[in-house]
């Protein structure tokens, strides 16, 4: 069985595991990460085995200081430092040209690597005590991402050496991925550092969610974040209620996952995500995991705005396989 320790008891032990080629799960502000020494190809291979992750889906390299970037990337443009000054540490990963130090296993055979400095102090302490960490989310491939240590344990017990418990993740969806190897800075995956925020900083930012032959970023080629029961996105709360009542009439046991700003939907199975878009992002993965255990269909309310609302819906649409009502 995999051990779960708090940071006080787990950091030094976790660092030794990393140095010896093992796998350690650690908290970040976005989701929990499954880490291995980014320079150790055999250790990195264990990540793919533990998750059941396709080999052509690249990993993000997590750092604890900007000094470590020179060992990971061979070209670091000035725009990197401009973004880093404002948003690192924080929920953003930046794609750069990889150095020869990074195994091709990390980058899915590509010539670029995503670099991120987590805001979470436990994550940075673990990296400081060990090495930069190649790390995807700490869940079985394609399942809902983990935002608590228990979520990780439910998916990966017996597959990893140690889980460091840092409580619930503050942001709740994966980092923004910004590609700085293109002519125009391009967001490949939206997150809490929004397209609008980056546009204000850099002047011009493109948005590209289209799958490519060699993926530069996680989350571009496969269905992700999916619960184990059918899930649909309701474009309005009225559509959500109609779909719920239809499913009940057919003998189903659905749940409505929604923002807690409505008073006319009582008497139904409900999971309240909170009022704000930030609440929605923070709570959505936990809600999907709770729902898949207790219900046979999930109906989740759509958000329609930009910024963080756009980012969280990027994940929700993938969870539902783009199915809407």
Protein backbone atom coordinates (compact mmCIF):
# COMPACT_ATOMS: atom_id res chain seq x y z
CA UNK A 1 0.00 0.00 0.00
CA UNK A 2 1.17 3.51 -0.76
CA UNK A 3 2.00 5.69 2.23
CA UNK A 4 0.41 9.11 2.77
CA UNK A 5 2.44 11.57 4.85
CA UNK A 6 2.14 15.26 5.58
CA UNK A 7 4.87 17.62 4.45
CA UNK A 8 6.60 17.69 7.85
CA UNK A 9 7.09 13.93 7.80
CA UNK A 10 7.21 13.34 4.06
CA UNK A 11 9.49 15.88 2.39
CA UNK A 12 12.88 14.39 3.25
CA UNK A 13 11.65 10.86 2.59
CA UNK A 14 10.10 11.99 -0.68
CA UNK A 15 13.34 13.61 -1.79
CA UNK A 16 15.27 10.41 -1.15
CA UNK A 17 12.72 8.42 -3.14
CA UNK A 18 13.10 10.84 -6.07
CA UNK A 19 16.91 10.63 -5.92
CA UNK A 20 16.66 6.84 -6.00
CA UNK A 21 14.46 6.81 -9.09
CA UNK A 22 11.07 6.43 -7.42
CA UNK A 23 7.69 8.17 -7.75
CA UNK A 24 6.33 10.74 -5.31
CA UNK A 25 2.98 12.49 -5.45
CA UNK A 26 3.02 16.11 -4.30
CA UNK A 27 0.45 18.92 -3.97
CA UNK A 28 0.39 22.00 -6.16
CA UNK A 29 -2.03 24.91 -6.29
CA UNK A 30 -3.65 23.39 -9.41
CA UNK A 31 -3.90 19.60 -8.96
CA UNK A 32 -1.71 16.93 -7.36
CA UNK A 33 1.34 15.95 -9.42
CA UNK A 34 3.00 12.56 -9.94
CA UNK A 35 6.71 13.33 -9.88
CA UNK A 36 9.95 11.66 -10.94
CA UNK A 37 13.47 13.01 -11.50
CA UNK A 38 13.16 14.83 -14.84
CA UNK A 39 16.72 13.88 -15.83
CA UNK A 40 16.28 10.15 -15.06
CA UNK A 41 14.69 8.46 -18.08
CA UNK A 42 14.01 5.16 -16.31
CA UNK A 43 12.26 6.98 -13.46
CA UNK A 44 10.17 8.99 -15.92
CA UNK A 45 9.06 5.79 -17.64
CA UNK A 46 7.53 4.68 -14.34
CA UNK A 47 5.14 7.65 -14.51
CA UNK A 48 3.63 6.39 -17.76
CA UNK A 49 3.27 2.87 -16.35
CA UNK A 50 1.67 4.02 -13.10
CA UNK A 51 -0.88 6.21 -14.89
CA UNK A 52 -1.47 4.02 -17.93
CA UNK A 53 -0.51 7.14 -19.89
CA UNK A 54 0.21 7.07 -23.65
CA UNK A 55 3.90 7.59 -24.45
CA UNK A 56 3.09 10.39 -26.91
CA UNK A 57 1.58 12.61 -24.21
CA UNK A 58 4.36 14.90 -22.89
CA UNK A 59 5.07 15.84 -19.28
CA UNK A 60 5.68 19.19 -17.60
CA UNK A 61 8.98 19.78 -15.79
CA UNK A 62 8.48 21.45 -12.41
CA UNK A 63 11.20 23.68 -10.97
CA UNK A 64 11.81 25.47 -7.66
CA UNK A 65 13.90 28.39 -8.99
CA UNK A 66 14.43 30.16 -12.30
CA UNK A 67 18.10 29.16 -12.15
CA UNK A 68 17.06 25.59 -12.98
CA UNK A 69 15.66 26.65 -16.36
CA UNK A 70 19.15 26.75 -17.91
CA UNK A 71 19.48 22.99 -17.31
CA UNK A 72 16.11 22.27 -18.93
CA UNK A 73 15.92 24.63 -21.91
CA UNK A 74 18.56 25.59 -24.48
CA UNK A 75 16.80 28.78 -25.59
CA UNK A 76 15.10 31.09 -23.11
CA UNK A 77 13.52 34.16 -24.77
CA UNK A 78 13.05 37.45 -22.94
CA UNK A 79 9.28 36.85 -22.96
CA UNK A 80 9.83 33.93 -20.59
CA UNK A 81 11.33 36.19 -17.95
CA UNK A 82 8.61 38.76 -18.53
CA UNK A 83 5.92 36.17 -17.81
CA UNK A 84 7.94 34.60 -15.00
CA UNK A 85 8.37 37.91 -13.21
CA UNK A 86 4.61 38.35 -12.97
CA UNK A 87 3.23 34.81 -12.80
CA UNK A 88 5.96 32.49 -11.47
CA UNK A 89 5.64 30.84 -9.11
CA UNK A 90 2.06 30.24 -10.19
CA UNK A 91 -0.35 28.17 -12.29
CA UNK A 92 1.39 28.55 -15.67
CA UNK A 93 3.65 26.26 -17.73
CA UNK A 94 5.82 27.73 -20.48
CA UNK A 95 7.03 25.77 -23.50
CA UNK A 96 10.66 26.31 -24.51
CA UNK A 97 13.23 24.55 -26.68
CA UNK A 98 14.48 21.58 -24.64
CA UNK A 99 18.08 21.00 -23.63
CA UNK A 100 19.87 17.71 -24.21
CA UNK A 101 19.61 17.06 -20.46
CA UNK A 102 15.90 16.28 -20.75
CA UNK A 103 15.10 12.76 -22.01
CA UNK A 104 12.88 12.45 -25.06
CA UNK A 105 10.51 10.38 -22.90
CA UNK A 106 9.58 13.58 -21.04
CA UNK A 107 8.75 15.47 -24.23
CA UNK A 108 7.04 12.64 -26.14
CA UNK A 109 9.85 12.73 -28.71
CA UNK A 110 9.48 16.44 -29.33
CA UNK A 111 12.07 19.22 -29.30
CA UNK A 112 10.26 21.37 -26.76
CA UNK A 113 9.63 21.13 -23.02
CA UNK A 114 7.05 22.72 -20.72
CA UNK A 115 8.47 24.35 -17.57
CA UNK A 116 6.48 25.32 -14.48
CA UNK A 117 7.29 26.69 -11.01
CA UNK A 118 4.45 25.74 -8.64
CA UNK A 119 3.12 28.30 -6.21
CA UNK A 120 2.66 25.58 -3.60
CA UNK A 121 5.55 25.74 -1.10
CA UNK A 122 5.52 21.99 -0.43
CA UNK A 123 6.06 21.30 -4.12
CA UNK A 124 8.96 23.75 -4.35
CA UNK A 125 10.53 22.38 -1.17
CA UNK A 126 10.41 18.84 -2.56
CA UNK A 127 12.06 19.98 -5.79
CA UNK A 128 14.73 21.93 -3.88
CA UNK A 129 15.58 18.83 -1.85
CA UNK A 130 15.70 16.53 -4.89
CA UNK A 131 15.68 17.75 -8.51
CA UNK A 132 13.37 19.25 -11.14
CA UNK A 133 10.40 16.91 -11.44
CA UNK A 134 8.68 15.63 -14.54
CA UNK A 135 5.07 15.41 -13.44
CA UNK A 136 1.59 15.01 -14.89
CA UNK A 137 -1.54 14.97 -12.74
CA UNK A 138 -1.53 12.13 -10.20
CA UNK A 139 -4.47 10.09 -11.47
CA UNK A 140 -5.13 7.22 -13.83
CA UNK A 141 -4.95 8.41 -17.41
CA UNK A 142 -8.15 10.07 -18.67
CA UNK A 143 -9.80 10.02 -15.24
CA UNK A 144 -10.79 13.14 -13.31
CA UNK A 145 -7.73 15.02 -12.03
CA UNK A 146 -7.02 14.83 -8.27
CA UNK A 147 -7.34 17.82 -5.97
CA UNK A 148 -6.87 15.95 -2.67
CA UNK A 149 -4.50 13.23 -1.45
CA UNK A 150 -7.48 10.87 -1.11
CA UNK A 151 -8.29 11.29 -4.81
CA UNK A 152 -4.73 10.21 -5.60
CA UNK A 153 -4.90 7.25 -3.25
CA UNK A 154 -8.15 6.10 -4.85
CA UNK A 155 -6.47 5.99 -8.27
CA UNK A 156 -2.83 5.12 -7.59
CA UNK A 157 -2.60 3.14 -4.34
CA UNK A 158 0.15 0.58 -4.89
CA UNK A 159 1.45 2.33 -8.02
CA UNK A 160 3.54 5.07 -6.34
CA UNK A 161 6.00 5.14 -3.45
CA UNK A 162 4.64 8.08 -1.45
CA UNK A 163 1.85 10.66 -1.43
CA UNK A 164 2.59 13.95 0.33
CA UNK A 165 -0.69 15.35 1.64
CA UNK A 166 -0.93 19.13 1.35
CA UNK A 167 -4.70 19.48 1.67
CA UNK A 168 -7.08 20.59 -1.06
CA UNK A 169 -5.70 22.39 -4.11
CA UNK A 170 -6.47 26.11 -4.17
CA UNK A 171 -6.99 26.59 -7.93
CA UNK A 172 -8.42 23.22 -8.91
CA UNK A 173 -7.72 23.06 -12.67
CA UNK A 174 -4.44 22.43 -14.44
CA UNK A 175 -1.96 25.17 -15.30
CA UNK A 176 -2.18 27.39 -18.32
CA UNK A 177 0.24 26.23 -21.03
CA UNK A 178 1.91 29.02 -23.01
CA UNK A 179 4.09 28.19 -26.03
CA UNK A 180 6.97 30.63 -26.53
CA UNK A 181 8.61 28.66 -29.36
CA UNK A 182 6.21 30.06 -31.97
CA UNK A 183 6.31 33.44 -33.73
CA UNK A 184 3.34 34.59 -31.65
CA UNK A 185 3.03 33.45 -28.01
CA UNK A 186 0.30 30.80 -28.10
CA UNK A 187 -1.90 29.42 -25.32
CA UNK A 188 -2.26 25.67 -25.85
CA UNK A 189 -4.25 25.05 -22.68
CA UNK A 190 -6.16 27.80 -20.81
CA UNK A 191 -5.99 28.03 -17.05
CA UNK A 192 -6.07 30.41 -14.11
CA UNK A 193 -3.52 32.67 -15.81
CA UNK A 194 -5.97 33.58 -18.53
CA UNK A 195 -5.52 34.46 -22.18
CA UNK A 196 -6.65 37.99 -21.36
CA UNK A 197 -4.02 38.35 -18.62
CA UNK A 198 -1.25 37.17 -20.93
CA UNK A 199 -2.45 39.43 -23.73
CA UNK A 200 -2.18 42.45 -21.46
CA UNK A 201 1.37 41.45 -20.53
CA UNK A 202 2.75 40.39 -23.93
CA UNK A 203 0.69 42.50 -26.31
CA UNK A 204 -0.37 39.66 -28.63
CA UNK A 205 -1.31 36.12 -27.72
CA UNK A 206 -2.84 33.40 -29.91
CA UNK A 207 -5.09 30.58 -28.77
CA UNK A 208 -4.60 27.11 -30.23
CA UNK A 209 -6.48 24.09 -28.98
CA UNK A 210 -6.07 22.00 -32.12
CA UNK A 211 -4.45 18.58 -31.82
CA UNK A 212 -1.03 18.24 -33.45
CA UNK A 213 1.01 15.25 -34.56
CA UNK A 214 3.65 15.65 -31.86
CA UNK A 215 1.94 17.22 -28.88
CA UNK A 216 3.81 20.06 -27.19
CA UNK A 217 1.46 20.16 -24.23
CA UNK A 218 -0.49 17.69 -22.08
CA UNK A 219 -4.24 17.68 -22.67
CA UNK A 220 -4.12 18.22 -26.45
CA UNK A 221 -4.51 14.73 -27.94
CA UNK A 222 -6.75 12.67 -25.65
CA UNK A 223 -10.01 12.75 -23.72
CA UNK A 224 -9.18 13.94 -20.22
CA UNK A 225 -10.80 14.55 -16.86
CA UNK A 226 -13.59 12.04 -17.53
CA UNK A 227 -15.85 10.61 -14.80
CA UNK A 228 -16.79 6.93 -14.92
CA UNK A 229 -20.47 7.66 -15.67
CA UNK A 230 -22.08 9.50 -18.61
CA UNK A 231 -21.65 13.26 -18.33
CA UNK A 232 -23.33 16.07 -20.26
CA UNK A 233 -22.98 19.84 -20.20
CA UNK A 234 -26.20 21.84 -19.90
CA UNK A 235 -26.03 25.15 -21.75
CA UNK A 236 -28.52 26.76 -19.34
CA UNK A 237 -29.86 25.87 -15.91
CA UNK A 238 -33.28 25.35 -17.54
CA UNK A 239 -31.78 22.77 -19.90
CA UNK A 240 -30.07 21.14 -16.93
CA UNK A 241 -33.34 20.77 -15.04
CA UNK A 242 -35.14 19.46 -18.13
CA UNK A 243 -32.43 16.84 -18.73
CA UNK A 244 -32.51 15.88 -15.04
CA UNK A 245 -36.29 15.42 -14.99
CA UNK A 246 -36.18 13.46 -18.27
CA UNK A 247 -33.57 11.09 -16.84
CA UNK A 248 -35.62 10.59 -13.66
CA UNK A 249 -38.69 9.77 -15.74
CA UNK A 250 -36.66 7.09 -17.52
CA UNK A 251 -35.63 5.46 -14.24
CA UNK A 252 -32.18 7.03 -13.97
CA UNK A 253 -30.43 8.46 -10.93
CA UNK A 254 -28.83 11.72 -12.11
CA UNK A 255 -27.14 14.55 -10.26
CA UNK A 256 -27.05 18.21 -11.18
CA UNK A 257 -23.67 19.91 -10.66
CA UNK A 258 -24.22 23.65 -10.63
CA UNK A 259 -23.37 27.07 -9.25
CA UNK A 260 -25.29 27.77 -6.05
CA UNK A 261 -27.17 30.82 -7.24
CA UNK A 262 -30.58 29.29 -8.00
CA UNK A 263 -33.52 28.75 -5.69
CA UNK A 264 -35.93 26.86 -7.95
CA UNK A 265 -34.19 23.50 -8.31
CA UNK A 266 -34.63 22.08 -4.80
CA UNK A 267 -35.83 18.49 -4.47
CA UNK A 268 -33.24 17.17 -6.92
CA UNK A 269 -29.85 15.55 -6.37
CA UNK A 270 -27.50 18.53 -6.31
CA UNK A 271 -23.80 19.28 -5.91
CA UNK A 272 -23.17 22.97 -5.31
CA UNK A 273 -19.88 24.27 -6.79
CA UNK A 274 -20.14 27.66 -5.11
CA UNK A 275 -21.03 31.05 -6.53
CA UNK A 276 -17.98 32.40 -8.35
CA UNK A 277 -16.08 31.07 -11.34
CA UNK A 278 -13.09 30.55 -9.04
CA UNK A 279 -15.28 28.42 -6.74
CA UNK A 280 -16.43 26.44 -9.76
CA UNK A 281 -12.85 25.76 -10.88
CA UNK A 282 -11.66 24.86 -7.37
CA UNK A 283 -14.50 22.41 -6.71
CA UNK A 284 -15.37 20.87 -10.08
CA UNK A 285 -13.00 17.87 -10.03
CA UNK A 286 -13.98 16.90 -6.48
CA UNK A 287 -17.64 17.19 -7.48
CA UNK A 288 -17.17 14.94 -10.52
CA UNK A 289 -15.42 12.31 -8.40
CA UNK A 290 -18.16 12.44 -5.77
CA UNK A 291 -20.85 12.24 -8.44
CA UNK A 292 -19.45 9.21 -10.25
CA UNK A 293 -19.63 7.18 -7.04
CA UNK A 294 -23.24 7.96 -6.13
CA UNK A 295 -25.08 8.60 -9.41
CA UNK A 296 -25.44 7.14 -12.91
CA UNK A 297 -25.48 10.40 -14.86
CA UNK A 298 -23.86 13.80 -14.32
CA UNK A 299 -25.43 16.99 -15.66
CA UNK A 300 -23.11 19.94 -15.24
CA UNK A 301 -23.96 23.59 -15.76
CA UNK A 302 -22.07 25.52 -18.45
CA UNK A 303 -20.31 28.83 -17.81
CA UNK A 304 -20.39 31.31 -20.68
CA UNK A 305 -17.81 34.01 -19.93
CA UNK A 306 -14.15 34.53 -20.73
CA UNK A 307 -11.15 34.39 -18.41
CA UNK A 308 -11.31 31.65 -15.77
CA UNK A 309 -14.80 30.66 -16.94
CA UNK A 310 -13.41 29.85 -20.39
CA UNK A 311 -10.53 27.93 -18.82
CA UNK A 312 -12.66 25.76 -16.58
CA UNK A 313 -15.11 24.99 -19.40
CA UNK A 314 -12.16 23.75 -21.46
CA UNK A 315 -11.86 20.98 -18.86
CA UNK A 316 -15.59 20.40 -18.42
CA UNK A 317 -16.19 19.90 -22.16
CA UNK A 318 -13.44 17.26 -22.21
CA UNK A 319 -14.99 15.59 -19.15
CA UNK A 320 -18.27 15.30 -21.02
CA UNK A 321 -16.71 14.28 -24.34
CA UNK A 322 -18.22 17.49 -25.79
CA UNK A 323 -21.79 16.23 -25.12
CA UNK A 324 -24.22 19.10 -24.45
CA UNK A 325 -27.96 19.52 -23.88
